[in-house]
C-alpha cells in the first residue's frame, strides 16, 4: 500500500477501499495542517480548521478525476484550502454574527442531567419518584410544543447544529433559532422554579 501513488490510492478509495482512503488521509494530514495554519476561525480553534480541511481532503478523494490531467496533490490542496477558506468566511460573515456571538441555549432543565428532577439519590423509592416526575415534566413540555418545535427540540438534544437542524426540517436557520427561543419561553413559563 505504501508504494502506491496518490492517484492509485484515490482510485481505490473511490471504489470503496477504506484502507486506501485512510492511507491518503494519513499521507495528507500534514498538508491539511499546513493549509489551515494561516487562517483564523472566529468562535473556533485550530482543531476546527483542521477538521474542515480534512473534510476538504475527503471531498478531493471522492471528486478527483485523473482525466483532467491535474495531479491529486494539487487538486487536494485546492479542495482543502477552499473548504478552510469557506469555513472562515462563513464564520466571519456579518449574517452569522448572531450565531457566532450568541450564548448557548440555557439547557431546558427537565432534559438536563443535573436538574432537580434527576439528582442522584441513595433512596431507590425517591429515585423512582424523581424519574417519574422528570418524565412527566418532559411530557408536559412536549405537549405544549408544536410539531415543528418538538422536532427541533429532539434534534437539539441529539446535538445537532443549527445548520443541521435547518437542513433536517427543511427550514431556514432563523426559523430554527426562533423555534428554540419559543421552546425556552414555554419551558420557563411551565417550570419557573427550574430556571432560578
Protein backbone atom coordinates (compact mmCIF):
# COMPACT_ATOMS: atom_id res chain seq x y z
CA UNK A 1 0.00 0.00 0.00
CA UNK A 2 2.88 2.36 0.83
CA UNK A 3 4.31 2.18 -2.69
CA UNK A 4 1.04 3.07 -4.44
CA UNK A 5 0.74 6.57 -5.90
CA UNK A 6 -1.79 9.08 -4.62
CA UNK A 7 -3.77 8.62 -7.82
CA UNK A 8 -3.88 4.83 -7.38
CA UNK A 9 -4.97 5.17 -3.76
CA UNK A 10 -7.62 7.68 -4.79
CA UNK A 11 -9.00 5.35 -7.47
CA UNK A 12 -9.14 2.51 -4.93
CA UNK A 13 -10.83 4.77 -2.35
CA UNK A 14 -13.45 5.78 -4.91
CA UNK A 15 -14.20 2.07 -5.38
CA UNK A 16 -14.90 1.75 -1.64
CA UNK A 17 -11.45 0.72 -0.37
CA UNK A 18 -11.39 2.25 3.13
CA UNK A 19 -7.76 1.24 3.70
CA UNK A 20 -6.72 3.26 0.65
CA UNK A 21 -8.77 6.22 1.88
CA UNK A 22 -7.15 6.02 5.32
CA UNK A 23 -3.73 5.87 3.69
CA UNK A 24 -4.46 9.08 1.77
CA UNK A 25 -5.76 10.78 4.91
CA UNK A 26 -2.57 9.78 6.75
CA UNK A 27 -0.37 10.98 3.88
CA UNK A 28 -2.13 14.33 3.62
CA UNK A 29 -2.63 15.17 7.29
CA UNK A 30 0.45 17.41 7.21
CA UNK A 31 -0.84 19.14 4.09
CA UNK A 32 -4.17 19.78 5.81
CA UNK A 33 -2.39 21.30 8.81
CA UNK A 34 -0.22 23.45 6.54
CA UNK A 35 -3.21 24.69 4.53
CA UNK A 36 -5.23 25.57 7.65
CA UNK A 37 -2.39 27.17 9.66
CA UNK A 38 -2.60 30.69 8.09
CA UNK A 39 -6.32 31.07 8.87
CA UNK A 40 -8.28 32.04 11.97
CA UNK A 41 -11.80 30.79 12.66
CA UNK A 42 -14.00 33.17 14.65
CA UNK A 43 -15.55 31.25 17.51
CA UNK A 44 -13.39 28.19 16.83
CA UNK A 45 -9.86 26.95 17.20
CA UNK A 46 -7.11 25.35 15.12
CA UNK A 47 -8.60 21.89 15.52
CA UNK A 48 -11.85 23.10 13.94
CA UNK A 49 -9.94 24.35 10.91
CA UNK A 50 -8.06 21.08 10.63
CA UNK A 51 -11.37 19.25 10.70
CA UNK A 52 -12.68 21.49 7.92
CA UNK A 53 -9.50 20.79 5.96
CA UNK A 54 -9.99 17.05 6.43
CA UNK A 55 -13.49 17.39 5.00
CA UNK A 56 -11.96 19.19 2.03
CA UNK A 57 -9.49 16.33 1.62
CA UNK A 58 -12.27 13.74 1.68
CA UNK A 59 -14.14 15.75 -0.94
CA UNK A 60 -10.98 15.76 -3.07
CA UNK A 61 -10.69 11.98 -2.74
CA UNK A 62 -14.26 11.48 -3.87
CA UNK A 63 -14.24 14.07 -6.67
CA UNK A 64 -10.77 13.54 -8.15
CA UNK A 65 -10.76 12.79 -11.88
CA UNK A 66 -7.37 11.81 -13.36
CA UNK A 67 -8.73 12.52 -16.86
CA UNK A 68 -8.37 16.25 -16.18
CA UNK A 69 -4.58 15.92 -16.11
CA UNK A 70 -4.13 17.53 -12.69
CA UNK A 71 -2.09 15.63 -10.07
CA UNK A 72 -4.03 14.57 -6.99
CA UNK A 73 -1.81 16.62 -4.66
CA UNK A 74 -2.59 19.89 -6.46
CA UNK A 75 -6.30 19.08 -6.58
CA UNK A 76 -6.32 18.12 -2.89
CA UNK A 77 -4.58 21.34 -1.86
CA UNK A 78 -7.19 23.40 -3.72
CA UNK A 79 -10.09 21.47 -2.13
CA UNK A 80 -8.58 21.69 1.36
CA UNK A 81 -7.84 25.41 1.09
CA UNK A 82 -11.29 26.20 -0.34
CA UNK A 83 -13.04 24.30 2.45
CA UNK A 84 -10.98 26.07 5.14
CA UNK A 85 -11.48 29.46 3.48
CA UNK A 86 -15.24 28.88 3.15
CA UNK A 87 -15.48 27.98 6.86
CA UNK A 88 -13.53 31.10 7.85
CA UNK A 89 -15.60 33.33 5.55
CA UNK A 90 -18.88 31.92 6.82
CA UNK A 91 -17.81 32.33 10.45
CA UNK A 92 -16.78 35.93 9.96
CA UNK A 93 -19.71 36.97 7.76
CA UNK A 94 -21.99 39.56 9.29
CA UNK A 95 -25.06 37.48 8.50
CA UNK A 96 -23.80 34.91 11.03
CA UNK A 97 -22.97 37.49 13.69
CA UNK A 98 -25.89 36.47 15.91
CA UNK A 99 -25.00 32.79 15.73
CA UNK A 100 -21.27 33.38 16.25
CA UNK A 101 -21.63 35.55 19.33
CA UNK A 102 -24.81 34.29 20.93
CA UNK A 103 -24.74 32.37 24.15
CA UNK A 104 -25.71 28.74 24.26
CA UNK A 105 -29.32 27.94 24.82
CA UNK A 106 -29.90 27.55 28.53
CA UNK A 107 -30.49 23.86 28.90
CA UNK A 108 -34.11 23.00 29.31
CA UNK A 109 -33.92 21.82 32.92
CA UNK A 110 -36.08 18.77 32.51
CA UNK A 111 -33.67 17.43 29.90
CA UNK A 112 -30.58 18.33 31.89
CA UNK A 113 -28.92 15.53 33.82
CA UNK A 114 -28.19 17.99 36.64
CA UNK A 115 -31.75 19.24 37.07
CA UNK A 116 -33.55 18.86 40.37
CA UNK A 117 -35.75 16.15 38.90
CA UNK A 118 -32.86 13.78 38.35
CA UNK A 119 -30.45 14.31 41.23
CA UNK A 120 -28.75 11.13 42.30
CA UNK A 121 -30.48 9.79 45.37
CA UNK A 122 -29.43 6.88 47.53
CA UNK A 123 -33.06 6.01 48.34
CA UNK A 124 -34.48 3.84 45.49
CA UNK A 125 -38.05 5.00 46.13
CA UNK A 126 -37.05 8.67 45.84
CA UNK A 127 -35.08 7.87 42.71
CA UNK A 128 -38.08 6.21 41.03
CA UNK A 129 -40.38 9.06 42.05
CA UNK A 130 -37.85 11.63 40.76
CA UNK A 131 -37.55 9.81 37.45
CA UNK A 132 -41.33 9.69 37.08
CA UNK A 133 -41.59 13.41 37.86
CA UNK A 134 -38.88 14.05 35.29
CA UNK A 135 -40.78 12.08 32.61
CA UNK A 136 -43.99 13.91 33.48
CA UNK A 137 -42.25 17.28 33.06
CA UNK A 138 -40.94 16.14 29.67
CA UNK A 139 -44.43 15.08 28.59
CA UNK A 140 -45.89 18.38 29.80
CA UNK A 141 -43.36 20.42 27.83
CA UNK A 142 -43.67 18.30 24.68
CA UNK A 143 -47.47 18.56 24.78
CA UNK A 144 -47.17 22.37 24.81
CA UNK A 145 -44.95 22.41 21.70
CA UNK A 146 -46.00 22.45 18.08
CA UNK A 147 -44.89 19.51 15.94
CA UNK A 148 -42.14 21.69 14.45
CA UNK A 149 -40.90 22.81 17.88
CA UNK A 150 -40.91 19.23 19.17
CA UNK A 151 -38.84 18.11 16.17
CA UNK A 152 -36.37 20.98 16.67
CA UNK A 153 -36.06 20.16 20.38
CA UNK A 154 -35.39 16.50 19.60
CA UNK A 155 -32.68 17.44 17.09
CA UNK A 156 -31.16 19.96 19.51
CA UNK A 157 -30.98 17.39 22.27
CA UNK A 158 -29.34 14.97 19.81
CA UNK A 159 -26.52 17.52 19.49
CA UNK A 160 -27.31 18.84 16.01
CA UNK A 161 -26.04 22.29 15.00
CA UNK A 162 -28.46 24.99 13.86
CA UNK A 163 -27.47 24.33 10.25
CA UNK A 164 -28.02 20.57 10.62
CA UNK A 165 -31.42 21.14 12.24
CA UNK A 166 -32.42 23.55 9.45
CA UNK A 167 -31.43 21.02 6.80
CA UNK A 168 -33.28 18.22 8.59
CA UNK A 169 -36.56 20.15 8.93
CA UNK A 170 -36.26 21.95 5.59
CA UNK A 171 -36.48 25.45 7.06
CA UNK A 172 -34.07 28.40 7.32
CA UNK A 173 -31.66 28.63 10.26
CA UNK A 174 -33.58 31.66 11.54
CA UNK A 175 -36.78 29.55 11.81
CA UNK A 176 -34.88 27.01 13.89
CA UNK A 177 -33.48 29.76 16.13
CA UNK A 178 -36.98 31.22 16.57
CA UNK A 179 -38.34 27.77 17.50
CA UNK A 180 -35.63 27.32 20.13
CA UNK A 181 -36.43 30.72 21.61
CA UNK A 182 -40.13 29.77 21.80
CA UNK A 183 -39.21 26.49 23.49
CA UNK A 184 -37.15 28.40 26.08
CA UNK A 185 -40.05 30.73 26.83
CA UNK A 186 -42.53 27.85 27.14
CA UNK A 187 -40.19 25.89 29.42
CA UNK A 188 -39.66 28.98 31.61
CA UNK A 189 -43.41 29.57 31.84
CA UNK A 190 -44.20 25.93 32.64
CA UNK A 191 -41.37 25.42 35.14
CA UNK A 192 -40.40 28.81 36.63
CA UNK A 193 -38.74 27.24 39.68
CA UNK A 194 -36.36 25.24 37.49
CA UNK A 195 -34.85 28.39 35.91
CA UNK A 196 -33.55 30.03 39.06
